[in-house]
Amino acid sequence: LDELEATLASKTNVEEELSAKELSGFISRFLDTLDKKNRILFVR
């Protein structure tokens, strides 16, 4: 969680900025841009 904090942290609360579902959609689309090995690393 600490590793991801710098990437996902925002000045406002995440719930105020985007719903969890929207953020999840962004991350899912991002994962589609990665090659298989990197996608596996990220998810695991």
PDB file of all heavy atoms in Angstrom:
ATOM      1  N   LEU A   1       0.821  -1.204   0.000  1.00  0.00           N
ATOM      2  CA  LEU A   1       0.000   0.000   0.000  1.00  0.00           C
ATOM      3  C   LEU A   1       0.858   1.257   0.000  1.00  0.00           C
ATOM      4  O   LEU A   1       0.544   2.233  -0.682  1.00  0.00           O
ATOM      5  CB  LEU A   1      -0.926   0.014   1.220  1.00  0.00           C
ATOM      6  CG  LEU A   1      -2.105  -0.938   1.186  1.00  0.00           C
ATOM      7  CD1 LEU A   1      -2.918  -0.814   2.461  1.00  0.00           C
ATOM      8  CD2 LEU A   1      -2.986  -0.704  -0.018  1.00  0.00           C
ATOM      9  N   ASP A   2       1.944   1.231   0.757  1.00  0.00           N
ATOM     10  CA  ASP A   2       2.852   2.382   0.785  1.00  0.00           C
ATOM     11  C   ASP A   2       3.430   2.662  -0.592  1.00  0.00           C
ATOM     12  O   ASP A   2       3.600   3.822  -0.985  1.00  0.00           O
ATOM     13  CB  ASP A   2       3.980   2.162   1.787  1.00  0.00           C
ATOM     14  CG  ASP A   2       3.514   2.247   3.229  1.00  0.00           C
ATOM     15  OD1 ASP A   2       2.387   2.734   3.473  1.00  0.00           O
ATOM     16  OD2 ASP A   2       4.278   1.812   4.115  1.00  0.00           O
ATOM     17  N   GLU A   3       3.749   1.608  -1.351  1.00  0.00           N
ATOM     18  CA  GLU A   3       4.304   1.770  -2.688  1.00  0.00           C
ATOM     19  C   GLU A   3       3.322   2.498  -3.605  1.00  0.00           C
ATOM     20  O   GLU A   3       3.703   3.337  -4.410  1.00  0.00           O
ATOM     21  CB  GLU A   3       4.657   0.420  -3.295  1.00  0.00           C
ATOM     22  CG  GLU A   3       5.839  -0.252  -2.639  1.00  0.00           C
ATOM     23  CD  GLU A   3       6.060  -1.674  -3.133  1.00  0.00           C
ATOM     24  OE1 GLU A   3       5.327  -2.133  -4.030  1.00  0.00           O
ATOM     25  OE2 GLU A   3       6.970  -2.334  -2.608  1.00  0.00           O
ATOM     26  N   LEU A   4       2.051   2.156  -3.492  1.00  0.00           N
ATOM     27  CA  LEU A   4       1.036   2.768  -4.350  1.00  0.00           C
ATOM     28  C   LEU A   4       0.598   4.150  -3.873  1.00  0.00           C
ATOM     29  O   LEU A   4       0.059   4.932  -4.651  1.00  0.00           O
ATOM     30  CB  LEU A   4      -0.203   1.869  -4.433  1.00  0.00           C
ATOM     31  CG  LEU A   4      -0.173   0.770  -5.467  1.00  0.00           C
ATOM     32  CD1 LEU A   4      -1.445  -0.052  -5.400  1.00  0.00           C
ATOM     33  CD2 LEU A   4       0.032   1.308  -6.862  1.00  0.00           C
ATOM     34  N   GLU A   5       0.830   4.449  -2.610  1.00  0.00           N
ATOM     35  CA  GLU A   5       0.336   5.694  -2.031  1.00  0.00           C
ATOM     36  C   GLU A   5       0.782   6.919  -2.815  1.00  0.00           C
ATOM     37  O   GLU A   5      -0.014   7.807  -3.104  1.00  0.00           O
ATOM     38  CB  GLU A   5       0.797   5.807  -0.585  1.00  0.00           C
ATOM     39  CG  GLU A   5       0.243   7.018   0.135  1.00  0.00           C
ATOM     40  CD  GLU A   5       0.679   7.045   1.579  1.00  0.00           C
ATOM     41  OE1 GLU A   5       0.065   6.334   2.380  1.00  0.00           O
ATOM     42  OE2 GLU A   5       1.640   7.762   1.877  1.00  0.00           O
ATOM     43  N   ALA A   6       2.051   6.973  -3.182  1.00  0.00           N
ATOM     44  CA  ALA A   6       2.554   8.146  -3.903  1.00  0.00           C
ATOM     45  C   ALA A   6       1.900   8.286  -5.273  1.00  0.00           C
ATOM     46  O   ALA A   6       1.710   9.387  -5.772  1.00  0.00           O
ATOM     47  CB  ALA A   6       4.062   8.058  -4.048  1.00  0.00           C
ATOM     48  N   THR A   7       1.522   7.179  -5.866  1.00  0.00           N
ATOM     49  CA  THR A   7       0.896   7.205  -7.182  1.00  0.00           C
ATOM     50  C   THR A   7      -0.557   7.644  -7.100  1.00  0.00           C
ATOM     51  O   THR A   7      -1.020   8.425  -7.924  1.00  0.00           O
ATOM     52  CB  THR A   7       0.971   5.808  -7.835  1.00  0.00           C
ATOM     53  OG1 THR A   7       2.337   5.407  -7.883  1.00  0.00           O
ATOM     54  CG2 THR A   7       0.383   5.820  -9.225  1.00  0.00           C
ATOM     55  N   LEU A   8      -1.280   7.149  -6.112  1.00  0.00           N
ATOM     56  CA  LEU A   8      -2.720   7.374  -6.048  1.00  0.00           C
ATOM     57  C   LEU A   8      -3.128   8.506  -5.121  1.00  0.00           C
ATOM     58  O   LEU A   8      -4.280   8.904  -5.119  1.00  0.00           O
ATOM     59  CB  LEU A   8      -3.432   6.090  -5.608  1.00  0.00           C
ATOM     60  CG  LEU A   8      -3.242   4.896  -6.534  1.00  0.00           C
ATOM     61  CD1 LEU A   8      -3.949   3.680  -5.961  1.00  0.00           C
ATOM     62  CD2 LEU A   8      -3.739   5.203  -7.924  1.00  0.00           C
ATOM     63  N   ALA A   9      -2.195   9.025  -4.337  1.00  0.00           N
ATOM     64  CA  ALA A   9      -2.549  10.077  -3.386  1.00  0.00           C
ATOM     65  C   ALA A   9      -2.980  11.337  -4.130  1.00  0.00           C
ATOM     66  O   ALA A   9      -2.445  11.662  -5.177  1.00  0.00           O
ATOM     67  CB  ALA A   9      -1.355  10.383  -2.488  1.00  0.00           C
ATOM     68  N   SER A  10      -3.957  12.002  -3.579  1.00  0.00           N
ATOM     69  CA  SER A  10      -4.403  13.261  -4.164  1.00  0.00           C
ATOM     70  C   SER A  10      -4.586  14.281  -3.052  1.00  0.00           C
ATOM     71  O   SER A  10      -4.614  13.939  -1.879  1.00  0.00           O
ATOM     72  CB  SER A  10      -5.699  13.064  -4.941  1.00  0.00           C
ATOM     73  OG  SER A  10      -6.756  12.827  -4.057  1.00  0.00           O
ATOM     74  N   LYS A  11      -4.750  15.535  -3.432  1.00  0.00           N
ATOM     75  CA  LYS A  11      -4.915  16.602  -2.445  1.00  0.00           C
ATOM     76  C   LYS A  11      -6.254  16.468  -1.733  1.00  0.00           C
ATOM     77  O   LYS A  11      -6.419  16.915  -0.622  1.00  0.00           O
ATOM     78  CB  LYS A  11      -4.810  17.960  -3.134  1.00  0.00           C
ATOM     79  CG  LYS A  11      -3.416  18.210  -3.678  1.00  0.00           C
ATOM     80  CD  LYS A  11      -3.351  19.531  -4.401  1.00  0.00           C
ATOM     81  CE  LYS A  11      -1.975  19.735  -4.978  1.00  0.00           C
ATOM     82  NZ  LYS A  11      -1.932  19.864  -6.396  1.00  0.00           N
ATOM     83  N   THR A  12      -7.214  15.890  -2.398  1.00  0.00           N
ATOM     84  CA  THR A  12      -8.520  15.682  -1.783  1.00  0.00           C
ATOM     85  C   THR A  12      -8.729  14.195  -1.584  1.00  0.00           C
ATOM     86  O   THR A  12      -7.992  13.369  -2.085  1.00  0.00           O
ATOM     87  CB  THR A  12      -9.643  16.225  -2.690  1.00  0.00           C
ATOM     88  OG1 THR A  12      -9.577  15.559  -3.941  1.00  0.00           O
ATOM     89  CG2 THR A  12      -9.520  17.705  -2.890  1.00  0.00           C
ATOM     90  N   ASN A  13      -9.749  13.876  -0.852  1.00  0.00           N
ATOM     91  CA  ASN A  13     -10.084  12.494  -0.589  1.00  0.00           C
ATOM     92  C   ASN A  13     -10.444  11.803  -1.905  1.00  0.00           C
ATOM     93  O   ASN A  13     -11.134  12.383  -2.744  1.00  0.00           O
ATOM     94  CB  ASN A  13     -11.276  12.476   0.369  1.00  0.00           C
ATOM     95  CG  ASN A  13     -11.559  11.129   0.926  1.00  0.00           C
ATOM     96  OD1 ASN A  13     -11.421  10.119   0.253  1.00  0.00           O
ATOM     97  ND2 ASN A  13     -11.970  11.106   2.182  1.00  0.00           N
ATOM     98  N   VAL A  14      -9.990  10.549  -2.053  1.00  0.00           N
ATOM     99  CA  VAL A  14     -10.247   9.808  -3.288  1.00  0.00           C
ATOM    100  C   VAL A  14     -11.738   9.704  -3.557  1.00  0.00           C
ATOM    101  O   VAL A  14     -12.186   9.837  -4.695  1.00  0.00           O
ATOM    102  CB  VAL A  14      -9.593   8.400  -3.232  1.00  0.00           C
ATOM    103  CG1 VAL A  14     -10.013   7.553  -4.423  1.00  0.00           C
ATOM    104  CG2 VAL A  14      -8.090   8.522  -3.183  1.00  0.00           C
ATOM    105  N   GLU A  15     -12.540   9.510  -2.501  1.00  0.00           N
ATOM    106  CA  GLU A  15     -13.988   9.407  -2.689  1.00  0.00           C
ATOM    107  C   GLU A  15     -14.568  10.701  -3.239  1.00  0.00           C
ATOM    108  O   GLU A  15     -15.552  10.675  -3.972  1.00  0.00           O
ATOM    109  CB  GLU A  15     -14.700   9.041  -1.379  1.00  0.00           C
ATOM    110  CG  GLU A  15     -14.482   7.615  -0.937  1.00  0.00           C
ATOM    111  CD  GLU A  15     -13.184   7.408  -0.193  1.00  0.00           C
ATOM    112  OE1 GLU A  15     -12.576   8.385   0.274  1.00  0.00           O
ATOM    113  OE2 GLU A  15     -12.753   6.257  -0.101  1.00  0.00           O
ATOM    114  N   GLU A  16     -13.985  11.855  -2.857  1.00  0.00           N
ATOM    115  CA  GLU A  16     -14.465  13.130  -3.376  1.00  0.00           C
ATOM    116  C   GLU A  16     -14.024  13.332  -4.821  1.00  0.00           C
ATOM    117  O   GLU A  16     -14.719  13.943  -5.609  1.00  0.00           O
ATOM    118  CB  GLU A  16     -13.920  14.278  -2.525  1.00  0.00           C
ATOM    119  CG  GLU A  16     -14.451  14.289  -1.110  1.00  0.00           C
ATOM    120  CD  GLU A  16     -13.709  15.272  -0.221  1.00  0.00           C
ATOM    121  OE1 GLU A  16     -12.883  16.043  -0.739  1.00  0.00           O
ATOM    122  OE2 GLU A  16     -13.955  15.249   0.983  1.00  0.00           O
ATOM    123  N   GLU A  17     -12.850  12.842  -5.155  1.00  0.00           N
ATOM    124  CA  GLU A  17     -12.295  13.054  -6.484  1.00  0.00           C
ATOM    125  C   GLU A  17     -12.968  12.149  -7.524  1.00  0.00           C
ATOM    126  O   GLU A  17     -13.369  12.584  -8.573  1.00  0.00           O
ATOM    127  CB  GLU A  17     -10.785  12.794  -6.463  1.00  0.00           C
ATOM    128  CG  GLU A  17     -10.061  13.183  -7.713  1.00  0.00           C
ATOM    129  CD  GLU A  17     -10.110  14.673  -7.988  1.00  0.00           C
ATOM    130  OE1 GLU A  17     -10.029  15.461  -7.048  1.00  0.00           O
ATOM    131  OE2 GLU A  17     -10.259  15.021  -9.159  1.00  0.00           O
ATOM    132  N   LEU A  18     -13.016  10.890  -7.241  1.00  0.00           N
ATOM    133  CA  LEU A  18     -13.618   9.906  -8.153  1.00  0.00           C
ATOM    134  C   LEU A  18     -14.246   8.801  -7.333  1.00  0.00           C
ATOM    135  O   LEU A  18     -13.775   8.489  -6.258  1.00  0.00           O
ATOM    136  CB  LEU A  18     -12.526   9.245  -9.016  1.00  0.00           C
ATOM    137  CG  LEU A  18     -11.819  10.083 -10.049  1.00  0.00           C
ATOM    138  CD1 LEU A  18     -10.660   9.302 -10.635  1.00  0.00           C
ATOM    139  CD2 LEU A  18     -12.761  10.461 -11.159  1.00  0.00           C
ATOM    140  N   SER A  19     -15.250   8.195  -7.852  1.00  0.00           N
ATOM    141  CA  SER A  19     -15.788   7.040  -7.146  1.00  0.00           C
ATOM    142  C   SER A  19     -14.794   5.892  -7.296  1.00  0.00           C
ATOM    143  O   SER A  19     -13.973   5.870  -8.209  1.00  0.00           O
ATOM    144  CB  SER A  19     -17.142   6.640  -7.720  1.00  0.00           C
ATOM    145  OG  SER A  19     -16.976   6.011  -8.973  1.00  0.00           O
ATOM    146  N   ALA A  20     -14.851   4.947  -6.381  1.00  0.00           N
ATOM    147  CA  ALA A  20     -13.951   3.800  -6.451  1.00  0.00           C
ATOM    148  C   ALA A  20     -14.126   3.057  -7.772  1.00  0.00           C
ATOM    149  O   ALA A  20     -13.164   2.535  -8.327  1.00  0.00           O
ATOM    150  CB  ALA A  20     -14.211   2.867  -5.275  1.00  0.00           C
ATOM    151  N   LYS A  21     -15.334   3.048  -8.273  1.00  0.00           N
ATOM    152  CA  LYS A  21     -15.593   2.357  -9.540  1.00  0.00           C
ATOM    153  C   LYS A  21     -14.876   3.044 -10.698  1.00  0.00           C
ATOM    154  O   LYS A  21     -14.319   2.376 -11.569  1.00  0.00           O
ATOM    155  CB  LYS A  21     -17.098   2.303  -9.792  1.00  0.00           C
ATOM    156  CG  LYS A  21     -17.495   1.401 -10.919  1.00  0.00           C
ATOM    157  CD  LYS A  21     -18.991   1.244 -10.981  1.00  0.00           C
ATOM    158  CE  LYS A  21     -19.347   0.198 -12.016  1.00  0.00           C
ATOM    159  NZ  LYS A  21     -20.755  -0.118 -12.025  1.00  0.00           N
ATOM    160  N   GLU A  22     -14.862   4.370 -10.707  1.00  0.00           N
ATOM    161  CA  GLU A  22     -14.161   5.097 -11.770  1.00  0.00           C
ATOM    162  C   GLU A  22     -12.657   4.856 -11.696  1.00  0.00           C
ATOM    163  O   GLU A  22     -12.012   4.604 -12.716  1.00  0.00           O
ATOM    164  CB  GLU A  22     -14.453   6.594 -11.676  1.00  0.00           C
ATOM    165  CG  GLU A  22     -15.862   6.958 -12.075  1.00  0.00           C
ATOM    166  CD  GLU A  22     -16.170   8.411 -11.800  1.00  0.00           C
ATOM    167  OE1 GLU A  22     -15.786   8.920 -10.735  1.00  0.00           O
ATOM    168  OE2 GLU A  22     -16.805   9.033 -12.676  1.00  0.00           O
ATOM    169  N   LEU A  23     -12.107   4.920 -10.490  1.00  0.00           N
ATOM    170  CA  LEU A  23     -10.675   4.670 -10.327  1.00  0.00           C
ATOM    171  C   LEU A  23     -10.344   3.244 -10.744  1.00  0.00           C
ATOM    172  O   LEU A  23      -9.345   2.997 -11.420  1.00  0.00           O
ATOM    173  CB  LEU A  23     -10.236   4.922  -8.883  1.00  0.00           C
ATOM    174  CG  LEU A  23      -8.753   4.716  -8.585  1.00  0.00           C
ATOM    175  CD1 LEU A  23      -7.884   5.608  -9.469  1.00  0.00           C
ATOM    176  CD2 LEU A  23      -8.478   4.976  -7.113  1.00  0.00           C
ATOM    177  N   SER A  24     -11.201   2.324 -10.374  1.00  0.00           N
ATOM    178  CA  SER A  24     -11.022   0.930 -10.773  1.00  0.00           C
ATOM    179  C   SER A  24     -11.002   0.803 -12.294  1.00  0.00           C
ATOM    180  O   SER A  24     -10.194   0.065 -12.863  1.00  0.00           O
ATOM    181  CB  SER A  24     -12.149   0.077 -10.185  1.00  0.00           C
ATOM    182  OG  SER A  24     -12.138  -1.206 -10.713  1.00  0.00           O
ATOM    183  N   GLY A  25     -11.876   1.539 -12.961  1.00  0.00           N
ATOM    184  CA  GLY A  25     -11.908   1.525 -14.423  1.00  0.00           C
ATOM    185  C   GLY A  25     -10.627   2.065 -15.023  1.00  0.00           C
ATOM    186  O   GLY A  25     -10.093   1.507 -15.986  1.00  0.00           O
ATOM    187  N   PHE A  26     -10.108   3.157 -14.447  1.00  0.00           N
ATOM    188  CA  PHE A  26      -8.835   3.707 -14.916  1.00  0.00           C
ATOM    189  C   PHE A  26      -7.717   2.674 -14.779  1.00  0.00           C
ATOM    190  O   PHE A  26      -6.920   2.477 -15.692  1.00  0.00           O
ATOM    191  CB  PHE A  26      -8.448   4.960 -14.120  1.00  0.00           C
ATOM    192  CG  PHE A  26      -9.174   6.212 -14.512  1.00  0.00           C
ATOM    193  CD1 PHE A  26      -9.505   7.149 -13.549  1.00  0.00           C
ATOM    194  CD2 PHE A  26      -9.515   6.472 -15.829  1.00  0.00           C
ATOM    195  CE1 PHE A  26     -10.160   8.321 -13.891  1.00  0.00           C
ATOM    196  CE2 PHE A  26     -10.172   7.642 -16.184  1.00  0.00           C
ATOM    197  CZ  PHE A  26     -10.499   8.569 -15.207  1.00  0.00           C
ATOM    198  N   ILE A  27      -7.671   2.034 -13.611  1.00  0.00           N
ATOM    199  CA  ILE A  27      -6.609   1.057 -13.377  1.00  0.00           C
ATOM    200  C   ILE A  27      -6.765  -0.136 -14.309  1.00  0.00           C
ATOM    201  O   ILE A  27      -5.776  -0.640 -14.855  1.00  0.00           O
ATOM    202  CB  ILE A  27      -6.560   0.639 -11.893  1.00  0.00           C
ATOM    203  CG1 ILE A  27      -6.106   1.844 -11.049  1.00  0.00           C
ATOM    204  CG2 ILE A  27      -5.629  -0.545 -11.678  1.00  0.00           C
ATOM    205  CD1 ILE A  27      -6.190   1.639  -9.553  1.00  0.00           C
ATOM    206  N   SER A  28      -7.980  -0.587 -14.526  1.00  0.00           N
ATOM    207  CA  SER A  28      -8.204  -1.707 -15.448  1.00  0.00           C
ATOM    208  C   SER A  28      -7.754  -1.365 -16.862  1.00  0.00           C
ATOM    209  O   SER A  28      -7.100  -2.176 -17.528  1.00  0.00           O
ATOM    210  CB  SER A  28      -9.683  -2.100 -15.480  1.00  0.00           C
ATOM    211  OG  SER A  28     -10.061  -2.678 -14.271  1.00  0.00           O
ATOM    212  N   ARG A  29      -8.098  -0.172 -17.307  1.00  0.00           N
ATOM    213  CA  ARG A  29      -7.656   0.245 -18.645  1.00  0.00           C
ATOM    214  C   ARG A  29      -6.142   0.391 -18.700  1.00  0.00           C
ATOM    215  O   ARG A  29      -5.512   0.049 -19.699  1.00  0.00           O
ATOM    216  CB  ARG A  29      -8.371   1.529 -19.065  1.00  0.00           C
ATOM    217  CG  ARG A  29      -9.850   1.302 -19.397  1.00  0.00           C
ATOM    218  CD  ARG A  29     -10.516   2.523 -19.997  1.00  0.00           C
ATOM    219  NE  ARG A  29     -10.583   3.665 -19.101  1.00  0.00           N
ATOM    220  CZ  ARG A  29     -11.505   3.836 -18.151  1.00  0.00           C
ATOM    221  NH1 ARG A  29     -12.464   2.933 -17.984  1.00  0.00           N
ATOM    222  NH2 ARG A  29     -11.496   4.915 -17.397  1.00  0.00           N
ATOM    223  N   PHE A  30      -5.541   0.877 -17.619  1.00  0.00           N
ATOM    224  CA  PHE A  30      -4.086   0.981 -17.564  1.00  0.00           C
ATOM    225  C   PHE A  30      -3.452  -0.407 -17.674  1.00  0.00           C
ATOM    226  O   PHE A  30      -2.476  -0.597 -18.411  1.00  0.00           O
ATOM    227  CB  PHE A  30      -3.638   1.664 -16.261  1.00  0.00           C
ATOM    228  CG  PHE A  30      -2.165   1.543 -16.013  1.00  0.00           C
ATOM    229  CD1 PHE A  30      -1.262   2.289 -16.761  1.00  0.00           C
ATOM    230  CD2 PHE A  30      -1.674   0.672 -15.058  1.00  0.00           C
ATOM    231  CE1 PHE A  30       0.104   2.171 -16.551  1.00  0.00           C
ATOM    232  CE2 PHE A  30      -0.324   0.552 -14.833  1.00  0.00           C
ATOM    233  CZ  PHE A  30       0.573   1.301 -15.584  1.00  0.00           C
ATOM    234  N   LEU A  31      -4.014  -1.363 -16.958  1.00  0.00           N
ATOM    235  CA  LEU A  31      -3.464  -2.726 -17.000  1.00  0.00           C
ATOM    236  C   LEU A  31      -3.507  -3.299 -18.414  1.00  0.00           C
ATOM    237  O   LEU A  31      -2.633  -4.069 -18.797  1.00  0.00           O
ATOM    238  CB  LEU A  31      -4.202  -3.641 -16.019  1.00  0.00           C
ATOM    239  CG  LEU A  31      -3.930  -3.369 -14.540  1.00  0.00           C
ATOM    240  CD1 LEU A  31      -4.831  -4.226 -13.675  1.00  0.00           C
ATOM    241  CD2 LEU A  31      -2.474  -3.579 -14.192  1.00  0.00           C
ATOM    242  N   ASP A  32      -4.514  -2.916 -19.178  1.00  0.00           N
ATOM    243  CA  ASP A  32      -4.607  -3.370 -20.569  1.00  0.00           C
ATOM    244  C   ASP A  32      -3.456  -2.851 -21.424  1.00  0.00           C
ATOM    245  O   ASP A  32      -3.160  -3.416 -22.473  1.00  0.00           O
ATOM    246  CB  ASP A  32      -5.936  -2.936 -21.198  1.00  0.00           C
ATOM    247  CG  ASP A  32      -7.124  -3.709 -20.648  1.00  0.00           C
ATOM    248  OD1 ASP A  32      -6.917  -4.814 -20.103  1.00  0.00           O
ATOM    249  OD2 ASP A  32      -8.251  -3.196 -20.762  1.00  0.00           O
ATOM    250  N   THR A  33      -2.808  -1.768 -20.989  1.00  0.00           N
ATOM    251  CA  THR A  33      -1.695  -1.212 -21.756  1.00  0.00           C
ATOM    252  C   THR A  33      -0.372  -1.917 -21.457  1.00  0.00           C
ATOM    253  O   THR A  33       0.604  -1.709 -22.171  1.00  0.00           O
ATOM    254  CB  THR A  33      -1.511   0.302 -21.474  1.00  0.00           C
ATOM    255  OG1 THR A  33      -1.021   0.488 -20.137  1.00  0.00           O
ATOM    256  CG2 THR A  33      -2.800   1.068 -21.694  1.00  0.00           C
ATOM    257  N   LEU A  34      -0.344  -2.716 -20.400  1.00  0.00           N
ATOM    258  CA  LEU A  34       0.892  -3.394 -19.997  1.00  0.00           C
ATOM    259  C   LEU A  34       1.037  -4.733 -20.697  1.00  0.00           C
ATOM    260  O   LEU A  34       0.043  -5.377 -21.044  1.00  0.00           O
ATOM    261  CB  LEU A  34       0.898  -3.633 -18.484  1.00  0.00           C
ATOM    262  CG  LEU A  34       0.853  -2.410 -17.572  1.00  0.00           C
ATOM    263  CD1 LEU A  34       0.781  -2.852 -16.120  1.00  0.00           C
ATOM    264  CD2 LEU A  34       2.042  -1.495 -17.816  1.00  0.00           C
ATOM    265  N   ASP A  35       2.289  -5.171 -20.841  1.00  0.00           N
ATOM    266  CA  ASP A  35       2.502  -6.524 -21.353  1.00  0.00           C
ATOM    267  C   ASP A  35       2.121  -7.524 -20.256  1.00  0.00           C
ATOM    268  O   ASP A  35       1.938  -7.159 -19.093  1.00  0.00           O
ATOM    269  CB  ASP A  35       3.937  -6.725 -21.836  1.00  0.00           C
ATOM    270  CG  ASP A  35       4.970  -6.609 -20.724  1.00  0.00           C
ATOM    271  OD1 ASP A  35       4.799  -7.251 -19.668  1.00  0.00           O
ATOM    272  OD2 ASP A  35       5.967  -5.885 -20.911  1.00  0.00           O
ATOM    273  N   LYS A  36       1.989  -8.768 -20.633  1.00  0.00           N
ATOM    274  CA  LYS A  36       1.483  -9.801 -19.730  1.00  0.00           C
ATOM    275  C   LYS A  36       2.320  -9.914 -18.453  1.00  0.00           C
ATOM    276  O   LYS A  36       1.784  -9.993 -17.353  1.00  0.00           O
ATOM    277  CB  LYS A  36       1.435 -11.151 -20.452  1.00  0.00           C
ATOM    278  CG  LYS A  36       0.850 -12.255 -19.624  1.00  0.00           C
ATOM    279  CD  LYS A  36       0.772 -13.556 -20.408  1.00  0.00           C
ATOM    280  CE  LYS A  36       0.187 -14.659 -19.550  1.00  0.00           C
ATOM    281  NZ  LYS A  36       0.075 -15.907 -20.278  1.00  0.00           N
ATOM    282  N   LYS A  37       3.632  -9.911 -18.580  1.00  0.00           N
ATOM    283  CA  LYS A  37       4.509 -10.096 -17.424  1.00  0.00           C
ATOM    284  C   LYS A  37       4.344  -8.951 -16.416  1.00  0.00           C
ATOM    285  O   LYS A  37       4.239  -9.182 -15.212  1.00  0.00           O
ATOM    286  CB  LYS A  37       5.963 -10.196 -17.888  1.00  0.00           C
ATOM    287  CG  LYS A  37       6.882 -10.855 -16.910  1.00  0.00           C
ATOM    288  CD  LYS A  37       8.231 -11.130 -17.564  1.00  0.00           C
ATOM    289  CE  LYS A  37       8.851 -12.354 -16.934  1.00  0.00           C
ATOM    290  NZ  LYS A  37      10.087 -12.762 -17.555  1.00  0.00           N
ATOM    291  N   ASN A  38       4.311  -7.718 -16.924  1.00  0.00           N
ATOM    292  CA  ASN A  38       4.144  -6.575 -16.027  1.00  0.00           C
ATOM    293  C   ASN A  38       2.751  -6.531 -15.410  1.00  0.00           C
ATOM    294  O   ASN A  38       2.588  -6.146 -14.252  1.00  0.00           O
ATOM    295  CB  ASN A  38       4.452  -5.267 -16.760  1.00  0.00           C
ATOM    296  CG  ASN A  38       5.931  -5.067 -16.964  1.00  0.00           C
ATOM    297  OD1 ASN A  38       6.765  -5.630 -16.253  1.00  0.00           O
ATOM    298  ND2 ASN A  38       6.283  -4.278 -17.955  1.00  0.00           N
ATOM    299  N   ARG A  39       1.752  -6.937 -16.172  1.00  0.00           N
ATOM    300  CA  ARG A  39       0.383  -6.988 -15.644  1.00  0.00           C
ATOM    301  C   ARG A  39       0.300  -8.007 -14.503  1.00  0.00           C
ATOM    302  O   ARG A  39      -0.284  -7.739 -13.451  1.00  0.00           O
ATOM    303  CB  ARG A  39      -0.591  -7.335 -16.770  1.00  0.00           C
ATOM    304  CG  ARG A  39      -2.038  -7.194 -16.388  1.00  0.00           C
ATOM    305  CD  ARG A  39      -3.000  -7.288 -17.575  1.00  0.00           C
ATOM    306  NE  ARG A  39      -2.688  -8.330 -18.529  1.00  0.00           N
ATOM    307  CZ  ARG A  39      -2.250  -8.113 -19.770  1.00  0.00           C
ATOM    308  NH1 ARG A  39      -2.065  -6.906 -20.219  1.00  0.00           N
ATOM    309  NH2 ARG A  39      -2.006  -9.120 -20.581  1.00  0.00           N
ATOM    310  N   ILE A  40       0.923  -9.159 -14.690  1.00  0.00           N
ATOM    311  CA  ILE A  40       0.938 -10.189 -13.642  1.00  0.00           C
ATOM    312  C   ILE A  40       1.651  -9.669 -12.398  1.00  0.00           C
ATOM    313  O   ILE A  40       1.168  -9.836 -11.275  1.00  0.00           O
ATOM    314  CB  ILE A  40       1.585 -11.490 -14.162  1.00  0.00           C
ATOM    315  CG1 ILE A  40       0.663 -12.159 -15.183  1.00  0.00           C
ATOM    316  CG2 ILE A  40       1.898 -12.442 -13.021  1.00  0.00           C
ATOM    317  CD1 ILE A  40       1.302 -13.298 -15.959  1.00  0.00           C
ATOM    318  N   LEU A  41       2.798  -9.020 -12.593  1.00  0.00           N
ATOM    319  CA  LEU A  41       3.531  -8.457 -11.456  1.00  0.00           C
ATOM    320  C   LEU A  41       2.663  -7.466 -10.680  1.00  0.00           C
ATOM    321  O   LEU A  41       2.588  -7.526  -9.452  1.00  0.00           O
ATOM    322  CB  LEU A  41       4.805  -7.745 -11.932  1.00  0.00           C
ATOM    323  CG  LEU A  41       5.997  -8.624 -12.270  1.00  0.00           C
ATOM    324  CD1 LEU A  41       7.106  -7.791 -12.909  1.00  0.00           C
ATOM    325  CD2 LEU A  41       6.510  -9.328 -11.033  1.00  0.00           C
ATOM    326  N   PHE A  42       2.016  -6.553 -11.385  1.00  0.00           N
ATOM    327  CA  PHE A  42       1.198  -5.536 -10.740  1.00  0.00           C
ATOM    328  C   PHE A  42       0.048  -6.169  -9.948  1.00  0.00           C
ATOM    329  O   PHE A  42      -0.163  -5.844  -8.775  1.00  0.00           O
ATOM    330  CB  PHE A  42       0.645  -4.565 -11.791  1.00  0.00           C
ATOM    331  CG  PHE A  42      -0.105  -3.401 -11.207  1.00  0.00           C
ATOM    332  CD1 PHE A  42       0.565  -2.231 -10.899  1.00  0.00           C
ATOM    333  CD2 PHE A  42      -1.469  -3.470 -10.970  1.00  0.00           C
ATOM    334  CE1 PHE A  42      -0.115  -1.146 -10.352  1.00  0.00           C
ATOM    335  CE2 PHE A  42      -2.157  -2.396 -10.429  1.00  0.00           C
ATOM    336  CZ  PHE A  42      -1.482  -1.226 -10.113  1.00  0.00           C
ATOM    337  N   VAL A  43      -0.677  -7.054 -10.578  1.00  0.00           N
ATOM    338  CA  VAL A  43      -1.841  -7.667  -9.923  1.00  0.00           C
ATOM    339  C   VAL A  43      -1.420  -8.524  -8.737  1.00  0.00           C
ATOM    340  O   VAL A  43      -2.017  -8.444  -7.656  1.00  0.00           O
ATOM    341  CB  VAL A  43      -2.677  -8.485 -10.937  1.00  0.00           C
ATOM    342  CG1 VAL A  43      -3.750  -9.298 -10.244  1.00  0.00           C
ATOM    343  CG2 VAL A  43      -3.304  -7.542 -11.960  1.00  0.00           C
ATOM    344  N   ARG A  44      -0.372  -9.317  -8.929  1.00  0.00           N
ATOM    345  CA  ARG A  44       0.065 -10.170  -7.817  1.00  0.00           C
ATOM    346  C   ARG A  44       0.605  -9.345  -6.654  1.00  0.00           C
ATOM    347  O   ARG A  44       0.444  -9.724  -5.503  1.00  0.00           O
ATOM    348  CB  ARG A  44       1.094 -11.184  -8.289  1.00  0.00           C
ATOM    349  CG  ARG A  44       0.437 -12.267  -9.158  1.00  0.00           C
ATOM    350  CD  ARG A  44       1.352 -13.381  -9.428  1.00  0.00           C
ATOM    351  NE  ARG A  44       1.698 -14.038  -8.176  1.00  0.00           N
ATOM    352  CZ  ARG A  44       1.864 -15.338  -8.047  1.00  0.00           C
ATOM    353  NH1 ARG A  44       1.717 -16.116  -9.074  1.00  0.00           N
ATOM    354  NH2 ARG A  44       2.208 -15.858  -6.894  1.00  0.00           N
TER     355      ARG A  44
END
